[in-house]
Amino acid sequence: MKLTVKSVIAQQCHRYDRVGYFGIPNWCLQKDAACPMFTTFRRCRHFEEAVLPACPDVAAEYAFLAGQDLDTKPGPTRRAICRTCGEAFKTTSNRQQYCSETCAQAGARAKTRERVRRHRQPDLLPV
């Protein structure tokens, strides 16, 4: 069973109530209002500090929804676009041009193909 952020909140957050005052669903007892993570998915400090460390398998989904980067390496991260497939990816070096080894091999084949094509072309200089 794959755990999602909302299922972890419903099961483990002690400030969550399925039905709050006046029958309002997904009630946050601390905020005395609807849980912000169920309505508009705003970050919740209590969830980050108390509930999330107990469920590390949900941390990646929460980081994606909250727009955070959960990098284990300190320092700035750089994003680039793969020259082969066009996907955005995080680079590990300032010279990295491809997102994976497969794309790097495809790029090398294309570069070799272009170099050989140029080499085989007859010189077009006037005589």
N, C-alpha and C. Protein backbone atom coordinates (compact mmCIF):
# COMPACT_ATOMS: atom_id res chain seq x y z
N MET A 1 0.84 -1.18 0.00
CA MET A 1 0.00 0.00 0.00
C MET A 1 0.89 1.25 0.00
N LYS A 2 0.69 2.10 -0.97
CA LYS A 2 1.47 3.32 -1.07
C LYS A 2 0.85 4.38 -0.17
N LEU A 3 1.68 4.92 0.71
CA LEU A 3 1.20 5.97 1.59
C LEU A 3 1.30 7.31 0.87
N THR A 4 0.28 8.13 1.00
CA THR A 4 0.32 9.47 0.46
C THR A 4 0.34 10.45 1.63
N VAL A 5 0.60 11.69 1.32
CA VAL A 5 0.68 12.71 2.37
C VAL A 5 -0.66 12.80 3.12
N LYS A 6 -1.75 12.81 2.38
CA LYS A 6 -3.06 12.96 3.03
C LYS A 6 -3.41 11.76 3.89
N SER A 7 -3.02 10.56 3.46
CA SER A 7 -3.32 9.39 4.29
C SER A 7 -2.48 9.40 5.56
N VAL A 8 -1.24 9.88 5.49
CA VAL A 8 -0.39 9.97 6.68
C VAL A 8 -0.96 11.01 7.64
N ILE A 9 -1.42 12.13 7.10
CA ILE A 9 -2.04 13.14 7.96
C ILE A 9 -3.24 12.55 8.67
N ALA A 10 -4.09 11.87 7.92
CA ALA A 10 -5.32 11.31 8.51
C ALA A 10 -5.01 10.25 9.56
N GLN A 11 -3.93 9.49 9.39
CA GLN A 11 -3.62 8.41 10.32
C GLN A 11 -2.78 8.85 11.50
N GLN A 12 -1.83 9.78 11.30
CA GLN A 12 -0.83 10.02 12.33
C GLN A 12 -0.80 11.42 12.92
N CYS A 13 -1.43 12.39 12.30
CA CYS A 13 -1.40 13.75 12.85
C CYS A 13 -2.44 13.85 13.97
N HIS A 14 -1.98 14.15 15.18
CA HIS A 14 -2.92 14.19 16.31
C HIS A 14 -3.74 15.48 16.33
N ARG A 15 -3.43 16.42 15.46
CA ARG A 15 -4.21 17.66 15.37
C ARG A 15 -5.27 17.59 14.27
N TYR A 16 -5.37 16.47 13.60
CA TYR A 16 -6.32 16.30 12.50
C TYR A 16 -7.59 15.64 13.01
N ASP A 17 -8.72 16.12 12.55
CA ASP A 17 -10.02 15.52 12.86
C ASP A 17 -10.77 15.37 11.54
N ARG A 18 -11.26 14.18 11.28
CA ARG A 18 -11.93 13.91 10.01
C ARG A 18 -13.14 14.83 9.81
N VAL A 19 -13.93 15.01 10.85
CA VAL A 19 -15.08 15.91 10.78
C VAL A 19 -14.99 16.86 11.96
N GLY A 20 -14.87 18.15 11.67
CA GLY A 20 -14.73 19.14 12.73
C GLY A 20 -16.05 19.77 13.11
N TYR A 21 -15.97 20.97 13.60
CA TYR A 21 -17.16 21.69 14.03
C TYR A 21 -18.10 21.93 12.86
N PHE A 22 -19.37 21.85 13.13
CA PHE A 22 -20.43 22.09 12.15
C PHE A 22 -20.33 21.18 10.94
N GLY A 23 -19.71 20.02 11.11
CA GLY A 23 -19.61 19.03 10.04
C GLY A 23 -18.60 19.37 8.96
N ILE A 24 -17.69 20.30 9.23
CA ILE A 24 -16.67 20.67 8.23
C ILE A 24 -15.63 19.55 8.17
N PRO A 25 -15.38 18.99 6.98
CA PRO A 25 -14.42 17.88 6.87
C PRO A 25 -12.98 18.37 6.98
N ASN A 26 -12.08 17.45 7.33
CA ASN A 26 -10.63 17.68 7.39
C ASN A 26 -10.29 18.88 8.27
N TRP A 27 -10.60 18.77 9.54
CA TRP A 27 -10.46 19.87 10.49
C TRP A 27 -9.11 19.83 11.17
N CYS A 28 -8.48 20.99 11.32
CA CYS A 28 -7.22 21.11 12.05
C CYS A 28 -7.54 21.69 13.42
N LEU A 29 -7.26 20.93 14.47
CA LEU A 29 -7.60 21.36 15.82
C LEU A 29 -6.75 22.55 16.28
N GLN A 30 -5.53 22.65 15.81
CA GLN A 30 -4.67 23.75 16.22
C GLN A 30 -5.11 25.06 15.57
N LYS A 31 -5.40 25.03 14.28
CA LYS A 31 -5.76 26.24 13.56
C LYS A 31 -7.23 26.59 13.74
N ASP A 32 -8.01 25.64 14.24
CA ASP A 32 -9.44 25.81 14.43
C ASP A 32 -10.10 26.20 13.10
N ALA A 33 -9.68 25.51 12.06
CA ALA A 33 -10.19 25.73 10.71
C ALA A 33 -9.91 24.47 9.90
N ALA A 34 -10.29 24.50 8.64
CA ALA A 34 -10.02 23.36 7.78
C ALA A 34 -8.51 23.21 7.63
N CYS A 35 -8.04 21.97 7.56
CA CYS A 35 -6.61 21.70 7.44
C CYS A 35 -6.08 22.30 6.14
N PRO A 36 -5.05 23.15 6.22
CA PRO A 36 -4.54 23.80 5.00
C PRO A 36 -3.90 22.82 4.03
N MET A 37 -3.50 21.66 4.51
CA MET A 37 -2.87 20.69 3.61
C MET A 37 -3.91 19.93 2.78
N PHE A 38 -5.15 19.91 3.24
CA PHE A 38 -6.20 19.26 2.47
C PHE A 38 -6.88 20.22 1.51
N THR A 39 -6.94 21.49 1.84
CA THR A 39 -7.67 22.43 1.00
C THR A 39 -6.80 22.99 -0.12
N THR A 40 -5.77 23.78 0.21
CA THR A 40 -4.95 24.42 -0.81
C THR A 40 -3.51 23.95 -0.77
N PHE A 41 -3.19 22.96 0.00
CA PHE A 41 -1.86 22.43 0.25
C PHE A 41 -0.84 23.52 0.53
N ARG A 42 -1.04 24.14 1.67
CA ARG A 42 -0.02 25.03 2.21
C ARG A 42 0.80 24.23 3.20
N ARG A 43 2.04 24.62 3.36
CA ARG A 43 2.94 23.89 4.26
C ARG A 43 2.45 23.98 5.69
N CYS A 44 2.68 22.92 6.45
CA CYS A 44 2.29 22.86 7.85
C CYS A 44 3.55 22.55 8.67
N ARG A 45 3.92 23.48 9.53
CA ARG A 45 5.13 23.32 10.31
C ARG A 45 5.05 22.12 11.26
N HIS A 46 3.87 21.93 11.86
CA HIS A 46 3.70 20.79 12.77
C HIS A 46 3.91 19.47 12.02
N PHE A 47 3.35 19.38 10.83
CA PHE A 47 3.50 18.15 10.04
C PHE A 47 4.96 17.91 9.70
N GLU A 48 5.68 18.97 9.30
CA GLU A 48 7.09 18.84 8.93
C GLU A 48 7.96 18.42 10.11
N GLU A 49 7.65 18.93 11.29
CA GLU A 49 8.50 18.66 12.44
C GLU A 49 8.11 17.42 13.23
N ALA A 50 6.82 17.11 13.32
CA ALA A 50 6.37 16.02 14.19
C ALA A 50 5.99 14.75 13.45
N VAL A 51 5.34 14.87 12.30
CA VAL A 51 4.81 13.68 11.63
C VAL A 51 5.74 13.18 10.53
N LEU A 52 6.27 14.07 9.72
CA LEU A 52 7.08 13.68 8.56
C LEU A 52 8.34 12.89 8.91
N PRO A 53 9.07 13.21 9.99
CA PRO A 53 10.25 12.40 10.30
C PRO A 53 9.93 10.93 10.58
N ALA A 54 8.72 10.64 11.02
CA ALA A 54 8.34 9.26 11.28
C ALA A 54 7.99 8.51 10.00
N CYS A 55 7.78 9.23 8.90
CA CYS A 55 7.40 8.61 7.62
C CYS A 55 8.31 9.12 6.52
N PRO A 56 9.55 8.65 6.44
CA PRO A 56 10.47 9.17 5.43
C PRO A 56 10.08 8.80 4.00
N ASP A 57 9.26 7.75 3.81
CA ASP A 57 8.86 7.37 2.47
C ASP A 57 7.88 8.37 1.85
N VAL A 58 7.28 9.22 2.66
CA VAL A 58 6.33 10.21 2.17
C VAL A 58 7.02 11.56 1.98
N ALA A 59 8.24 11.69 2.44
CA ALA A 59 8.94 12.97 2.41
C ALA A 59 9.12 13.49 0.98
N ALA A 60 9.40 12.61 0.04
CA ALA A 60 9.61 13.05 -1.34
C ALA A 60 8.32 13.63 -1.94
N GLU A 61 7.20 12.97 -1.70
CA GLU A 61 5.93 13.48 -2.21
C GLU A 61 5.60 14.82 -1.56
N TYR A 62 5.82 14.92 -0.24
CA TYR A 62 5.55 16.17 0.45
C TYR A 62 6.44 17.29 -0.10
N ALA A 63 7.70 16.99 -0.34
CA ALA A 63 8.62 17.99 -0.86
C ALA A 63 8.18 18.46 -2.24
N PHE A 64 7.71 17.53 -3.07
CA PHE A 64 7.23 17.90 -4.40
C PHE A 64 6.01 18.80 -4.29
N LEU A 65 5.05 18.42 -3.45
CA LEU A 65 3.84 19.22 -3.31
C LEU A 65 4.12 20.58 -2.68
N ALA A 66 5.06 20.62 -1.76
CA ALA A 66 5.37 21.88 -1.08
C ALA A 66 6.36 22.73 -1.87
N GLY A 67 6.92 22.19 -2.94
CA GLY A 67 7.88 22.93 -3.75
C GLY A 67 9.25 23.04 -3.11
N GLN A 68 9.61 22.08 -2.28
CA GLN A 68 10.90 22.09 -1.61
C GLN A 68 11.87 21.20 -2.37
N ASP A 69 13.15 21.38 -2.10
CA ASP A 69 14.18 20.49 -2.59
C ASP A 69 14.74 19.75 -1.39
N LEU A 70 14.69 18.43 -1.41
CA LEU A 70 15.24 17.63 -0.32
C LEU A 70 16.58 17.05 -0.75
N ASP A 71 17.53 17.91 -0.98
CA ASP A 71 18.87 17.46 -1.36
C ASP A 71 19.64 17.07 -0.12
N THR A 72 20.40 16.00 -0.23
CA THR A 72 21.24 15.62 0.88
C THR A 72 22.56 16.37 0.83
N LYS A 73 22.94 16.86 -0.35
CA LYS A 73 24.18 17.61 -0.49
C LYS A 73 23.93 19.08 -0.21
N PRO A 74 24.76 19.69 0.60
CA PRO A 74 24.60 21.12 0.83
C PRO A 74 25.09 21.92 -0.37
N GLY A 75 24.72 23.17 -0.42
CA GLY A 75 25.19 24.03 -1.48
C GLY A 75 24.13 24.25 -2.53
N PRO A 76 24.43 25.16 -3.45
CA PRO A 76 23.45 25.49 -4.48
C PRO A 76 23.29 24.36 -5.48
N THR A 77 22.09 24.24 -6.01
CA THR A 77 21.83 23.25 -7.05
C THR A 77 21.59 24.00 -8.34
N ARG A 78 21.93 23.36 -9.44
CA ARG A 78 21.79 23.96 -10.75
C ARG A 78 20.87 23.07 -11.57
N ARG A 79 19.99 23.68 -12.30
CA ARG A 79 19.11 22.92 -13.18
C ARG A 79 19.57 23.14 -14.61
N ALA A 80 19.36 22.12 -15.44
CA ALA A 80 19.71 22.22 -16.85
C ALA A 80 18.68 21.45 -17.65
N ILE A 81 18.73 21.59 -18.95
CA ILE A 81 17.83 20.87 -19.84
C ILE A 81 18.68 19.91 -20.66
N CYS A 82 18.26 18.66 -20.68
CA CYS A 82 19.00 17.62 -21.39
C CYS A 82 19.02 17.93 -22.88
N ARG A 83 20.22 17.82 -23.49
CA ARG A 83 20.37 18.11 -24.91
C ARG A 83 19.73 17.04 -25.79
N THR A 84 19.45 15.84 -25.25
CA THR A 84 18.89 14.78 -26.07
C THR A 84 17.37 14.73 -25.96
N CYS A 85 16.87 14.63 -24.73
CA CYS A 85 15.42 14.43 -24.55
C CYS A 85 14.67 15.69 -24.18
N GLY A 86 15.36 16.74 -23.76
CA GLY A 86 14.70 17.99 -23.44
C GLY A 86 14.11 18.07 -22.04
N GLU A 87 14.37 17.08 -21.20
CA GLU A 87 13.86 17.07 -19.83
C GLU A 87 14.70 17.98 -18.95
N ALA A 88 14.06 18.61 -17.96
CA ALA A 88 14.79 19.40 -16.97
C ALA A 88 15.32 18.45 -15.90
N PHE A 89 16.54 18.70 -15.42
CA PHE A 89 17.13 17.84 -14.40
C PHE A 89 18.10 18.63 -13.56
N LYS A 90 18.43 18.11 -12.38
CA LYS A 90 19.42 18.73 -11.51
C LYS A 90 20.79 18.20 -11.89
N THR A 91 21.73 19.10 -12.06
CA THR A 91 23.06 18.69 -12.45
C THR A 91 23.92 18.43 -11.23
N THR A 92 24.90 17.57 -11.41
CA THR A 92 25.86 17.32 -10.35
C THR A 92 27.17 18.04 -10.65
N SER A 93 27.25 18.65 -11.84
CA SER A 93 28.44 19.37 -12.26
C SER A 93 28.00 20.54 -13.13
N ASN A 94 28.82 21.56 -13.21
CA ASN A 94 28.45 22.68 -14.07
C ASN A 94 28.67 22.37 -15.55
N ARG A 95 29.26 21.23 -15.86
CA ARG A 95 29.50 20.83 -17.25
C ARG A 95 28.53 19.76 -17.74
N GLN A 96 27.66 19.28 -16.90
CA GLN A 96 26.76 18.18 -17.26
C GLN A 96 25.72 18.65 -18.27
N GLN A 97 25.57 17.90 -19.37
CA GLN A 97 24.65 18.29 -20.43
C GLN A 97 23.51 17.30 -20.62
N TYR A 98 23.63 16.10 -20.06
CA TYR A 98 22.64 15.06 -20.28
C TYR A 98 22.10 14.56 -18.94
N CYS A 99 20.83 14.14 -18.94
CA CYS A 99 20.19 13.74 -17.68
C CYS A 99 20.55 12.32 -17.27
N SER A 100 20.92 11.47 -18.21
CA SER A 100 21.24 10.08 -17.87
C SER A 100 22.34 9.57 -18.79
N GLU A 101 22.83 8.39 -18.48
CA GLU A 101 23.87 7.76 -19.30
C GLU A 101 23.31 7.41 -20.69
N THR A 102 22.05 7.02 -20.76
CA THR A 102 21.43 6.68 -22.04
C THR A 102 21.39 7.91 -22.95
N CYS A 103 20.99 9.04 -22.39
CA CYS A 103 20.96 10.27 -23.18
C CYS A 103 22.37 10.72 -23.57
N ALA A 104 23.34 10.51 -22.70
CA ALA A 104 24.72 10.87 -23.01
C ALA A 104 25.24 10.03 -24.18
N GLN A 105 24.92 8.73 -24.19
CA GLN A 105 25.35 7.87 -25.29
C GLN A 105 24.67 8.27 -26.59
N ALA A 106 23.39 8.61 -26.53
CA ALA A 106 22.67 9.04 -27.73
C ALA A 106 23.26 10.36 -28.24
N GLY A 107 23.60 11.26 -27.35
CA GLY A 107 24.22 12.52 -27.74
C GLY A 107 25.58 12.31 -28.38
N ALA A 108 26.37 11.39 -27.83
CA ALA A 108 27.69 11.09 -28.40
C ALA A 108 27.55 10.50 -29.81
N ARG A 109 26.56 9.61 -30.00
CA ARG A 109 26.33 9.05 -31.34
C ARG A 109 25.95 10.15 -32.34
N ALA A 110 25.07 11.08 -31.91
CA ALA A 110 24.64 12.16 -32.80
C ALA A 110 25.81 13.07 -33.14
N LYS A 111 26.66 13.35 -32.17
CA LYS A 111 27.82 14.22 -32.40
C LYS A 111 28.80 13.55 -33.36
N THR A 112 29.02 12.24 -33.20
CA THR A 112 29.90 11.50 -34.10
C THR A 112 29.32 11.47 -35.51
N ARG A 113 28.02 11.23 -35.61
CA ARG A 113 27.35 11.19 -36.90
C ARG A 113 27.52 12.53 -37.63
N GLU A 114 27.35 13.65 -36.92
CA GLU A 114 27.49 14.98 -37.52
C GLU A 114 28.94 15.25 -37.95
N ARG A 115 29.89 14.84 -37.13
CA ARG A 115 31.31 15.05 -37.45
C ARG A 115 31.69 14.25 -38.71
N VAL A 116 31.24 13.02 -38.81
CA VAL A 116 31.55 12.18 -39.97
C VAL A 116 30.87 12.74 -41.22
N ARG A 117 29.65 13.23 -41.09
CA ARG A 117 28.93 13.80 -42.22
C ARG A 117 29.69 15.02 -42.77
N ARG A 118 30.16 15.87 -41.86
CA ARG A 118 30.92 17.05 -42.29
C ARG A 118 32.24 16.64 -42.95
N HIS A 119 32.87 15.61 -42.43
CA HIS A 119 34.15 15.15 -42.98
C HIS A 119 33.98 14.58 -44.39
N ARG A 120 32.89 13.89 -44.64
CA ARG A 120 32.67 13.25 -45.94
C ARG A 120 32.17 14.23 -47.00
N GLN A 121 31.68 15.37 -46.59
CA GLN A 121 31.17 16.35 -47.54
C GLN A 121 32.32 16.88 -48.39
N PRO A 122 32.12 17.02 -49.70
CA PRO A 122 33.18 17.58 -50.53
C PRO A 122 33.34 19.07 -50.23
N ASP A 123 34.53 19.54 -50.39
CA ASP A 123 34.79 20.96 -50.17
C ASP A 123 34.00 21.77 -51.18
N LEU A 124 33.30 22.76 -50.72
CA LEU A 124 32.48 23.56 -51.59
C LEU A 124 33.14 24.91 -51.91
N LEU A 125 34.43 24.98 -51.75
CA LEU A 125 35.14 26.23 -52.02
C LEU A 125 35.30 26.39 -53.54
N PRO A 126 35.18 27.63 -54.04
CA PRO A 126 35.35 27.85 -55.48
C PRO A 126 36.80 27.65 -55.89
N VAL A 127 36.98 27.17 -57.12
CA VAL A 127 38.33 26.88 -57.62
C VAL A 127 38.95 28.06 -58.26
